[in-house]
C-alpha atoms as a PDB file:
ATOM      1  CA  MET A   1      -0.037  -0.134   0.138  1.00  0.00           C
ATOM      2  CA  SER A   2       2.936   2.621   0.028  1.00  0.00           C
ATOM      3  CA  LYS A   3       1.510   3.608  -3.104  1.00  0.00           C
ATOM      4  CA  VAL A   4      -1.438   4.746  -1.800  1.00  0.00           C
ATOM      5  CA  MET A   5      -0.014   8.575  -0.532  1.00  0.00           C
ATOM      6  CA  ASP A   6      -1.694  11.678   1.018  1.00  0.00           C
ATOM      7  CA  TRP A   7      -1.353  14.832  -1.131  1.00  0.00           C
ATOM      8  CA  ASP A   8       1.509  15.917   0.501  1.00  0.00           C
ATOM      9  CA  THR A   9       3.561  12.886   0.363  1.00  0.00           C
ATOM     10  CA  ALA A  10       2.462  12.525  -3.520  1.00  0.00           C
ATOM     11  CA  ALA A  11       4.033  16.232  -3.934  1.00  0.00           C
ATOM     12  CA  ALA A  12       7.187  15.182  -2.341  1.00  0.00           C
ATOM     13  CA  TRP A  13       7.626  11.988  -4.169  1.00  0.00           C
ATOM     14  CA  ARG A  14       6.389  13.365  -7.772  1.00  0.00           C
ATOM     15  CA  HIS A  15       9.671  15.967  -7.568  1.00  0.00           C
ATOM     16  CA  THR A  16      12.070  12.810  -6.923  1.00  0.00           C
ATOM     17  CA  VAL A  17      10.752  11.309 -10.320  1.00  0.00           C
ATOM     18  CA  ARG A  18      13.373  11.698 -13.210  1.00  0.00           C
ATOM     19  CA  GLY A  19      11.579  12.487 -16.089  1.00  0.00           C
ATOM     20  CA  ALA A  20       7.922  12.775 -16.942  1.00  0.00           C
ATOM     21  CA  VAL A  21       5.018  12.774 -14.730  1.00  0.00           C
ATOM     22  CA  VAL A  22       1.923  11.211 -16.102  1.00  0.00           C
ATOM     23  CA  PHE A  23      -1.368  12.166 -14.452  1.00  0.00           C
ATOM     24  CA  THR A  24      -4.954  10.678 -15.004  1.00  0.00           C
ATOM     25  CA  ASN A  25      -7.987  10.299 -12.569  1.00  0.00           C
ATOM     26  CA  GLY A  26     -11.175   8.928 -12.379  1.00  0.00           C
ATOM     27  CA  VAL A  27     -13.725   6.183 -10.369  1.00  0.00           C
ATOM     28  CA  PHE A  28     -12.338   3.080 -11.339  1.00  0.00           C
ATOM     29  CA  ASP A  29     -15.123   1.174  -9.202  1.00  0.00           C
ATOM     30  CA  LEU A  30     -14.909  -1.785 -11.217  1.00  0.00           C
ATOM     31  CA  LEU A  31     -12.041  -2.419 -12.713  1.00  0.00           C
ATOM     32  CA  HIS A  32     -12.217  -3.465 -16.778  1.00  0.00           C
ATOM     33  CA  PRO A  33     -10.131  -3.953 -19.569  1.00  0.00           C
ATOM     34  CA  GLY A  34     -10.531  -0.228 -20.593  1.00  0.00           C
ATOM     35  CA  HIS A  35      -9.174   0.792 -17.444  1.00  0.00           C
ATOM     36  CA  ILE A  36      -6.267  -1.204 -17.885  1.00  0.00           C
ATOM     37  CA  GLU A  37      -5.509   0.264 -21.307  1.00  0.00           C
ATOM     38  CA  VAL A  38      -5.390   3.586 -20.176  1.00  0.00           C
ATOM     39  CA  LEU A  39      -3.107   3.184 -17.583  1.00  0.00           C
ATOM     40  CA  ASP A  40      -0.861   0.915 -19.068  1.00  0.00           C
ATOM     41  CA  LEU A  41      -0.996   3.329 -22.223  1.00  0.00           C
ATOM     42  CA  ALA A  42      -0.897   6.358 -19.867  1.00  0.00           C
ATOM     43  CA  ARG A  43       1.870   4.806 -18.120  1.00  0.00           C
ATOM     44  CA  ARG A  44       4.101   4.926 -21.543  1.00  0.00           C
ATOM     45  CA  GLU A  45       3.922   8.576 -22.349  1.00  0.00           C
ATOM     46  CA  GLY A  46       6.381   9.163 -19.042  1.00  0.00           C
ATOM     47  CA  ALA A  47       8.587   8.212 -16.046  1.00  0.00           C
ATOM     48  CA  ALA A  48       5.842   7.600 -13.761  1.00  0.00           C
ATOM     49  CA  LEU A  49       2.262   7.716 -13.651  1.00  0.00           C
ATOM     50  CA  ILE A  50      -0.162   8.944 -10.375  1.00  0.00           C
ATOM     51  CA  VAL A  51      -3.447   7.924 -10.631  1.00  0.00           C
ATOM     52  CA  GLY A  52      -6.005  10.503  -8.524  1.00  0.00           C
ATOM     53  CA  LEU A  53      -8.751   8.805  -7.398  1.00  0.00           C
ATOM     54  CA  ASN A  54     -12.271   9.956  -6.564  1.00  0.00           C
ATOM     55  CA  SER A  55     -13.272   9.420  -3.063  1.00  0.00           C
ATOM     56  CA  ASP A  56     -16.524   7.851  -2.055  1.00  0.00           C
ATOM     57  CA  ALA A  57     -18.183  11.022  -1.147  1.00  0.00           C
ATOM     58  CA  SER A  58     -17.012  12.252  -4.582  1.00  0.00           C
ATOM     59  CA  VAL A  59     -18.430   9.282  -7.262  1.00  0.00           C
ATOM     60  CA  LYS A  60     -21.735   9.810  -4.771  1.00  0.00           C
ATOM     61  CA  ARG A  61     -22.044  13.245  -5.810  1.00  0.00           C
ATOM     62  CA  LEU A  62     -20.965  12.475  -9.350  1.00  0.00           C
ATOM     63  CA  LYS A  63     -22.474   9.244 -10.118  1.00  0.00           C
ATOM     64  CA  GLY A  64     -25.672   8.995  -7.823  1.00  0.00           C
ATOM     65  CA  PRO A  65     -26.225   7.041  -4.200  1.00  0.00           C
ATOM     66  CA  THR A  66     -25.603   3.428  -5.453  1.00  0.00           C
ATOM     67  CA  ARG A  67     -21.782   4.262  -6.448  1.00  0.00           C
ATOM     68  CA  PRO A  68     -19.139   3.395  -5.397  1.00  0.00           C
ATOM     69  CA  VAL A  69     -19.593  -0.308  -5.837  1.00  0.00           C
ATOM     70  CA  ARG A  70     -16.195  -0.703  -4.014  1.00  0.00           C
ATOM     71  CA  SER A  71     -14.746   1.828  -1.303  1.00  0.00           C
ATOM     72  CA  THR A  72     -12.328   3.904  -1.557  1.00  0.00           C
ATOM     73  CA  ALA A  73      -9.489   1.669  -0.187  1.00  0.00           C
ATOM     74  CA  GLU A  74     -10.956  -1.096  -1.868  1.00  0.00           C
ATOM     75  CA  ARG A  75     -10.381   0.650  -5.158  1.00  0.00           C
ATOM     76  CA  ALA A  76      -7.256   2.475  -4.032  1.00  0.00           C
ATOM     77  CA  MET A  77      -5.591  -0.938  -3.451  1.00  0.00           C
ATOM     78  CA  VAL A  78      -6.740  -2.777  -6.644  1.00  0.00           C
ATOM     79  CA  LEU A  79      -5.013   0.435  -8.377  1.00  0.00           C
ATOM     80  CA  ALA A  80      -1.881   0.427  -6.326  1.00  0.00           C
ATOM     81  CA  GLY A  81      -1.432  -3.493  -7.214  1.00  0.00           C
ATOM     82  CA  LEU A  82      -1.370  -2.616 -10.714  1.00  0.00           C
ATOM     83  CA  GLU A  83       2.454  -2.545 -12.476  1.00  0.00           C
ATOM     84  CA  SER A  84       1.552   0.367 -14.436  1.00  0.00           C
ATOM     85  CA  VAL A  85       0.968   2.437 -11.747  1.00  0.00           C
ATOM     86  CA  ASP A  86       3.364   4.204  -9.628  1.00  0.00           C
ATOM     87  CA  ALA A  87       0.753   6.394  -7.148  1.00  0.00           C
ATOM     88  CA  VAL A  88      -2.678   6.592  -6.066  1.00  0.00           C
ATOM     89  CA  VAL A  89      -4.061   9.860  -4.673  1.00  0.00           C
ATOM     90  CA  VAL A  90      -7.494  10.067  -3.233  1.00  0.00           C
ATOM     91  CA  PHE A  91      -9.305  13.567  -3.886  1.00  0.00           C
ATOM     92  CA  ASP A  92     -12.809  14.627  -2.470  1.00  0.00           C
ATOM     93  CA  GLU A  93     -13.286  17.083  -4.828  1.00  0.00           C
ATOM     94  CA  ASP A  94     -15.687  16.714  -8.225  1.00  0.00           C
ATOM     95  CA  THR A  95     -12.361  17.660 -10.320  1.00  0.00           C
ATOM     96  CA  PRO A  96      -8.949  16.720  -9.530  1.00  0.00           C
ATOM     97  CA  LEU A  97      -8.007  20.620 -10.354  1.00  0.00           C
ATOM     98  CA  GLU A  98      -6.513  21.226  -7.123  1.00  0.00           C
ATOM     99  CA  LEU A  99      -4.767  17.812  -6.812  1.00  0.00           C
ATOM    100  CA  VAL A 100      -3.016  18.747 -10.548  1.00  0.00           C
ATOM    101  CA  THR A 101      -2.686  22.374  -9.377  1.00  0.00           C
ATOM    102  CA  ARG A 102      -0.729  20.456  -6.358  1.00  0.00           C
ATOM    103  CA  LEU A 103       0.996  17.706  -7.905  1.00  0.00           C
ATOM    104  CA  GLN A 104       2.233  19.702 -11.448  1.00  0.00           C
ATOM    105  CA  PRO A 105       2.048  16.692 -13.868  1.00  0.00           C
ATOM    106  CA  ASP A 106       3.935  17.371 -17.198  1.00  0.00           C
ATOM    107  CA  VAL A 107       1.378  14.608 -18.905  1.00  0.00           C
ATOM    108  CA  ILE A 108      -1.967  14.348 -18.575  1.00  0.00           C
ATOM    109  CA  VAL A 109      -3.975  11.515 -20.083  1.00  0.00           C
ATOM    110  CA  LYS A 110      -7.577  10.683 -20.434  1.00  0.00           C
ATOM    111  CA  GLY A 111      -9.775   8.140 -22.013  1.00  0.00           C
ATOM    112  CA  GLY A 112     -11.561   9.107 -25.353  1.00  0.00           C
ATOM    113  CA  ASP A 113     -14.769  10.610 -23.701  1.00  0.00           C
ATOM    114  CA  TYR A 114     -12.937  13.221 -23.244  1.00  0.00           C
ATOM    115  CA  SER A 115     -11.535  15.824 -25.584  1.00  0.00           C
ATOM    116  CA  PRO A 116      -8.386  17.794 -24.860  1.00  0.00           C
ATOM    117  CA  GLU A 117     -10.857  20.770 -24.204  1.00  0.00           C
ATOM    118  CA  THR A 118     -12.533  19.189 -21.643  1.00  0.00           C
ATOM    119  CA  ILE A 119      -9.947  17.985 -19.361  1.00  0.00           C
ATOM    120  CA  VAL A 120      -9.595  19.216 -16.000  1.00  0.00           C
ATOM    121  CA  GLY A 121      -6.166  20.391 -15.737  1.00  0.00           C
ATOM    122  CA  ALA A 122      -5.248  20.143 -18.946  1.00  0.00           C
ATOM    123  CA  ASP A 123      -4.421  24.451 -19.243  1.00  0.00           C
ATOM    124  CA  ILE A 124      -2.227  23.870 -16.240  1.00  0.00           C
ATOM    125  CA  VAL A 125       0.103  21.466 -17.664  1.00  0.00           C
ATOM    126  CA  THR A 126      -0.036  22.808 -20.716  1.00  0.00           C
ATOM    127  CA  GLU A 127       1.012  26.132 -19.690  1.00  0.00           C
ATOM    128  CA  ARG A 128       4.062  24.742 -18.333  1.00  0.00           C
ATOM    129  CA  GLY A 129       4.960  23.036 -21.565  1.00  0.00           C
ATOM    130  CA  GLY A 130       3.598  19.800 -20.765  1.00  0.00           C
ATOM    131  CA  ARG A 131       1.125  17.627 -23.040  1.00  0.00           C
ATOM    132  CA  VAL A 132      -2.763  16.329 -22.866  1.00  0.00           C
ATOM    133  CA  VAL A 133      -3.192  12.848 -24.277  1.00  0.00           C
ATOM    134  CA  VAL A 134      -6.707  11.221 -25.295  1.00  0.00           C
ATOM    135  CA  ILE A 135      -6.660   7.451 -25.583  1.00  0.00           C
ATOM    136  CA  PRO A 136      -9.213   6.182 -27.573  1.00  0.00           C
ATOM    137  CA  LEU A 137     -11.579   4.104 -25.585  1.00  0.00           C
ATOM    138  CA  VAL A 138     -12.323   0.063 -25.408  1.00  0.00           C
ATOM    139  CA  ALA A 139     -15.183  -0.522 -27.162  1.00  0.00           C
ATOM    140  CA  GLY A 140     -17.674  -2.160 -25.130  1.00  0.00           C
ATOM    141  CA  GLN A 141     -16.219  -1.581 -21.746  1.00  0.00           C
ATOM    142  CA  SER A 142     -17.889   0.403 -19.085  1.00  0.00           C
ATOM    143  CA  THR A 143     -18.574   0.324 -15.400  1.00  0.00           C
ATOM    144  CA  THR A 144     -21.870   1.180 -15.876  1.00  0.00           C
ATOM    145  CA  SER A 145     -22.959  -1.370 -18.889  1.00  0.00           C
ATOM    146  CA  ILE A 146     -21.169  -4.127 -15.878  1.00  0.00           C
ATOM    147  CA  ILE A 147     -23.056  -3.311 -13.091  1.00  0.00           C
ATOM    148  CA  GLU A 148     -26.337  -3.430 -15.445  1.00  0.00           C
ATOM    149  CA  LYS A 149     -25.415  -6.534 -16.840  1.00  0.00           C
ATOM    150  CA  LEU A 150     -24.876  -7.920 -12.982  1.00  0.00           C
ATOM    151  CA  ARG A 151     -28.345  -6.626 -12.230  1.00  0.00           C
ATOM    152  CA  GLY A 152     -29.983  -8.448 -15.110  1.00  0.00           C
END
């Protein structure tokens, strides 16, 4: 669980990384192939990958009262167990803007349901000369569709 960091620890760690630091974020409620693809490709964009993880309260505000399926601690542990993920940082806000501002990544990555103009924090990264990367979605993969299938 040493990959799961609070904001201060992550900010200090970030400055020890040699090379580009990549940031992505999300709920990552029920990890599926689409998540793995985005995380693996995001990691290839730099020397280290930080994942901003929405807290349970943030997920409930964004997705409704029946989400998340897995707790913050469970979701963080699963992400931290992935080889492509170097750090996991939980945020309570509806967007990761404050976290991106604090961590100052060199690259910000999101899945293909976003465009560079709609990625929160992209302006902070590009103003510092960083890059914004959008990774195409894996067709047929979404947590919502998995939950609907399970519910029959």
